[in-house]
C-alpha atoms as a PDB file:
ATOM      1  CA  GLN A   1      12.154 -13.329  -8.619  1.00  0.00           C
ATOM      2  CA  VAL A   2       9.062 -11.727  -7.149  1.00  0.00           C
ATOM      3  CA  GLN A   3       7.864  -8.604  -8.874  1.00  0.00           C
ATOM      4  CA  LEU A   4       5.463  -6.071  -7.416  1.00  0.00           C
ATOM      5  CA  VAL A   5       3.806  -3.549  -9.664  1.00  0.00           C
ATOM      6  CA  GLU A   6       1.796  -0.664  -8.289  1.00  0.00           C
ATOM      7  CA  SER A   7      -0.799   1.368 -10.122  1.00  0.00           C
ATOM      8  CA  GLY A   8      -3.461   3.943  -9.443  1.00  0.00           C
ATOM      9  CA  GLY A   9      -1.492   6.935  -8.255  1.00  0.00           C
ATOM     10  CA  GLY A  10      -1.994  10.423  -9.599  1.00  0.00           C
ATOM     11  CA  LEU A  11      -3.105  13.936  -8.875  1.00  0.00           C
ATOM     12  CA  VAL A  12      -6.297  14.458  -6.929  1.00  0.00           C
ATOM     13  CA  GLN A  13      -7.967  17.427  -5.329  1.00  0.00           C
ATOM     14  CA  PRO A  14      -8.389  17.664  -1.568  1.00  0.00           C
ATOM     15  CA  GLY A  15     -11.370  15.611  -0.503  1.00  0.00           C
ATOM     16  CA  GLY A  16     -11.017  13.306  -3.468  1.00  0.00           C
ATOM     17  CA  SER A  17     -10.359   9.583  -3.663  1.00  0.00           C
ATOM     18  CA  LEU A  18      -7.850   7.267  -5.255  1.00  0.00           C
ATOM     19  CA  ARG A  19      -7.510   3.534  -5.402  1.00  0.00           C
ATOM     20  CA  LEU A  20      -4.009   2.091  -5.422  1.00  0.00           C
ATOM     21  CA  SER A  21      -3.388  -1.441  -6.576  1.00  0.00           C
ATOM     22  CA  CYS A  22      -0.460  -3.798  -6.329  1.00  0.00           C
ATOM     23  CA  ALA A  23       0.036  -7.009  -8.266  1.00  0.00           C
ATOM     24  CA  ALA A  24       2.583  -9.661  -7.307  1.00  0.00           C
ATOM     25  CA  SER A  25       4.019 -12.108  -9.785  1.00  0.00           C
ATOM     26  CA  GLY A  26       6.896 -14.547 -10.153  1.00  0.00           C
ATOM     27  CA  GLY A  27       9.028 -16.259  -7.561  1.00  0.00           C
ATOM     28  CA  ILE A  28       6.819 -17.479  -4.754  1.00  0.00           C
ATOM     29  CA  ALA A  29       3.272 -18.736  -4.820  1.00  0.00           C
ATOM     30  CA  THR A  30       2.091 -17.639  -1.411  1.00  0.00           C
ATOM     31  CA  PHE A  31       3.152 -15.092   1.152  1.00  0.00           C
ATOM     32  CA  TYR A  32       1.757 -13.929   4.423  1.00  0.00           C
ATOM     33  CA  ALA A  33       1.606 -10.155   4.298  1.00  0.00           C
ATOM     34  CA  MET A  34       1.203  -7.513   1.635  1.00  0.00           C
ATOM     35  CA  GLY A  35       1.112  -3.886   2.436  1.00  0.00           C
ATOM     36  CA  TRP A  36       2.146  -0.322   1.816  1.00  0.00           C
ATOM     37  CA  TYR A  37       4.839   1.992   2.947  1.00  0.00           C
ATOM     38  CA  ARG A  38       4.574   5.708   2.354  1.00  0.00           C
ATOM     39  CA  GLN A  39       7.291   8.279   1.841  1.00  0.00           C
ATOM     40  CA  VAL A  40       6.162  11.856   2.192  1.00  0.00           C
ATOM     41  CA  PRO A  41       8.363  14.702   0.929  1.00  0.00           C
ATOM     42  CA  GLY A  42      11.375  15.275   3.143  1.00  0.00           C
ATOM     43  CA  LYS A  43      10.901  12.166   5.261  1.00  0.00           C
ATOM     44  CA  GLU A  44      11.940   8.546   5.369  1.00  0.00           C
ATOM     45  CA  ARG A  45       9.775   5.803   3.987  1.00  0.00           C
ATOM     46  CA  GLU A  46       7.483   4.542   6.739  1.00  0.00           C
ATOM     47  CA  PHE A  47       5.092   1.682   7.262  1.00  0.00           C
ATOM     48  CA  PHE A  48       1.529   2.594   6.283  1.00  0.00           C
ATOM     49  CA  ALA A  49      -0.726  -0.475   6.208  1.00  0.00           C
ATOM     50  CA  THR A  50      -0.723  -4.222   5.792  1.00  0.00           C
ATOM     51  CA  VAL A  51      -3.096  -7.118   5.200  1.00  0.00           C
ATOM     52  CA  THR A  52      -2.317 -10.763   5.767  1.00  0.00           C
ATOM     53  CA  SER A  53      -3.411 -13.834   3.863  1.00  0.00           C
ATOM     54  CA  ASP A  54      -5.868 -14.640   6.671  1.00  0.00           C
ATOM     55  CA  GLY A  55      -7.406 -11.188   6.598  1.00  0.00           C
ATOM     56  CA  ILE A  56      -5.718  -9.385   9.473  1.00  0.00           C
ATOM     57  CA  LYS A  57      -5.348  -5.683   8.738  1.00  0.00           C
ATOM     58  CA  ARG A  58      -3.175  -3.130  10.446  1.00  0.00           C
ATOM     59  CA  PHE A  59      -2.543   0.542   9.866  1.00  0.00           C
ATOM     60  CA  ALA A  60       0.269   2.673  11.173  1.00  0.00           C
ATOM     61  CA  GLU A  61      -2.336   4.734  13.020  1.00  0.00           C
ATOM     62  CA  ASP A  62      -5.849   3.733  14.033  1.00  0.00           C
ATOM     63  CA  SER A  63      -7.174   7.031  12.705  1.00  0.00           C
ATOM     64  CA  MET A  64      -6.339   5.884   9.177  1.00  0.00           C
ATOM     65  CA  LYS A  65      -9.119   3.285   9.286  1.00  0.00           C
ATOM     66  CA  GLY A  66     -11.676   5.998   8.723  1.00  0.00           C
ATOM     67  CA  ARG A  67     -10.295   7.057   5.361  1.00  0.00           C
ATOM     68  CA  PHE A  68      -8.343   4.090   4.033  1.00  0.00           C
ATOM     69  CA  ILE A  69      -9.447   0.591   3.197  1.00  0.00           C
ATOM     70  CA  ILE A  70      -6.927  -2.130   2.467  1.00  0.00           C
ATOM     71  CA  SER A  71      -7.959  -5.346   0.795  1.00  0.00           C
ATOM     72  CA  ARG A  72      -6.354  -8.341  -0.780  1.00  0.00           C
ATOM     73  CA  ASN A  73      -7.166 -11.093  -3.234  1.00  0.00           C
ATOM     74  CA  ASN A  74      -5.212 -14.228  -2.371  1.00  0.00           C
ATOM     75  CA  VAL A  75      -6.222 -16.005  -5.556  1.00  0.00           C
ATOM     76  CA  ASN A  76      -4.566 -13.586  -7.960  1.00  0.00           C
ATOM     77  CA  ASN A  77      -2.080 -12.069  -5.490  1.00  0.00           C
ATOM     78  CA  THR A  78      -3.306  -8.519  -5.723  1.00  0.00           C
ATOM     79  CA  MET A  79      -3.889  -5.884  -3.107  1.00  0.00           C
ATOM     80  CA  SER A  80      -5.716  -2.568  -3.092  1.00  0.00           C
ATOM     81  CA  LEU A  81      -5.734   0.550  -0.992  1.00  0.00           C
ATOM     82  CA  GLN A  82      -8.858   2.669  -1.258  1.00  0.00           C
ATOM     83  CA  MET A  83      -7.999   6.207  -0.202  1.00  0.00           C
ATOM     84  CA  ASN A  84     -10.832   8.604   0.609  1.00  0.00           C
ATOM     85  CA  ASN A  85     -11.135  12.207   1.677  1.00  0.00           C
ATOM     86  CA  LEU A  86      -7.534  12.848   0.777  1.00  0.00           C
ATOM     87  CA  ASN A  87      -5.650  15.880   1.974  1.00  0.00           C
ATOM     88  CA  ALA A  88      -2.282  17.439   1.265  1.00  0.00           C
ATOM     89  CA  GLU A  89      -0.615  15.426   4.009  1.00  0.00           C
ATOM     90  CA  ASP A  90      -1.355  12.259   2.076  1.00  0.00           C
ATOM     91  CA  THR A  91       0.926  13.390  -0.740  1.00  0.00           C
ATOM     92  CA  GLY A  92       3.847  11.062  -1.228  1.00  0.00           C
ATOM     93  CA  VAL A  93       5.108   7.920  -2.840  1.00  0.00           C
ATOM     94  CA  TYR A  94       3.321   4.723  -1.896  1.00  0.00           C
ATOM     95  CA  TYR A  95       5.342   1.526  -2.072  1.00  0.00           C
ATOM     96  CA  CYS A  96       3.870  -1.923  -2.158  1.00  0.00           C
ATOM     97  CA  TYR A  97       5.721  -4.626  -0.267  1.00  0.00           C
ATOM     98  CA  LEU A  98       5.346  -8.208   0.783  1.00  0.00           C
ATOM     99  CA  ASN A  99       6.618 -10.418   3.565  1.00  0.00           C
ATOM    100  CA  ARG A 100       6.732 -14.152   3.230  1.00  0.00           C
ATOM    101  CA  TRP A 101       6.234 -15.222   6.829  1.00  0.00           C
ATOM    102  CA  ARG A 102       5.570 -12.226   9.065  1.00  0.00           C
ATOM    103  CA  MET A 103       3.230  -9.257   9.243  1.00  0.00           C
ATOM    104  CA  PHE A 104       5.975  -6.771  10.009  1.00  0.00           C
ATOM    105  CA  GLY A 105       9.726  -6.518   9.628  1.00  0.00           C
ATOM    106  CA  GLU A 106      12.004  -5.869   6.711  1.00  0.00           C
ATOM    107  CA  PRO A 107      10.042  -6.587   3.529  1.00  0.00           C
ATOM    108  CA  TYR A 108      11.013  -9.448   1.282  1.00  0.00           C
ATOM    109  CA  ALA A 109      10.171  -7.527  -1.875  1.00  0.00           C
ATOM    110  CA  TRP A 110       9.305  -3.990  -2.901  1.00  0.00           C
ATOM    111  CA  GLY A 111       7.511  -2.309  -5.713  1.00  0.00           C
ATOM    112  CA  ARG A 112       8.900   0.772  -7.371  1.00  0.00           C
ATOM    113  CA  GLY A 113       6.283   3.061  -5.909  1.00  0.00           C
ATOM    114  CA  THR A 114       3.383   5.087  -7.182  1.00  0.00           C
ATOM    115  CA  HIS A 115       3.048   8.816  -6.680  1.00  0.00           C
ATOM    116  CA  VAL A 116       0.055  10.394  -5.029  1.00  0.00           C
ATOM    117  CA  ALA A 117      -0.309  14.167  -5.130  1.00  0.00           C
ATOM    118  CA  VAL A 118      -3.153  15.923  -3.364  1.00  0.00           C
ATOM    119  CA  SER A 119      -3.466  19.501  -4.476  1.00  0.00           C
ATOM    120  CA  ALA A 120      -6.046  22.037  -5.518  1.00  0.00           C
END
């Protein structure tokens, strides 16, 4: 059984930075896509960003590329999301996911989520 464990969430002031990490273990040795969904207060969980084993990166919105950097280490099956210049709208729960064969679609596995709160 694949397990995904997120870390790095917390409280940060507007304009600050956080680095989220996700580690995959168990079950399968390789998988195509790892990424993040985000659930902001009062809304459904939505796709946020993904990175594939061959380095393709996609964000839900192109404007996110200026503040967020997603990266992945295929050797140890970890992924990171560097979040910069955060604002209140970035507050939410960030869920790590993975897909075995595709970039998008219903995830094969989920993490439990890590909370990010941006507040003065």
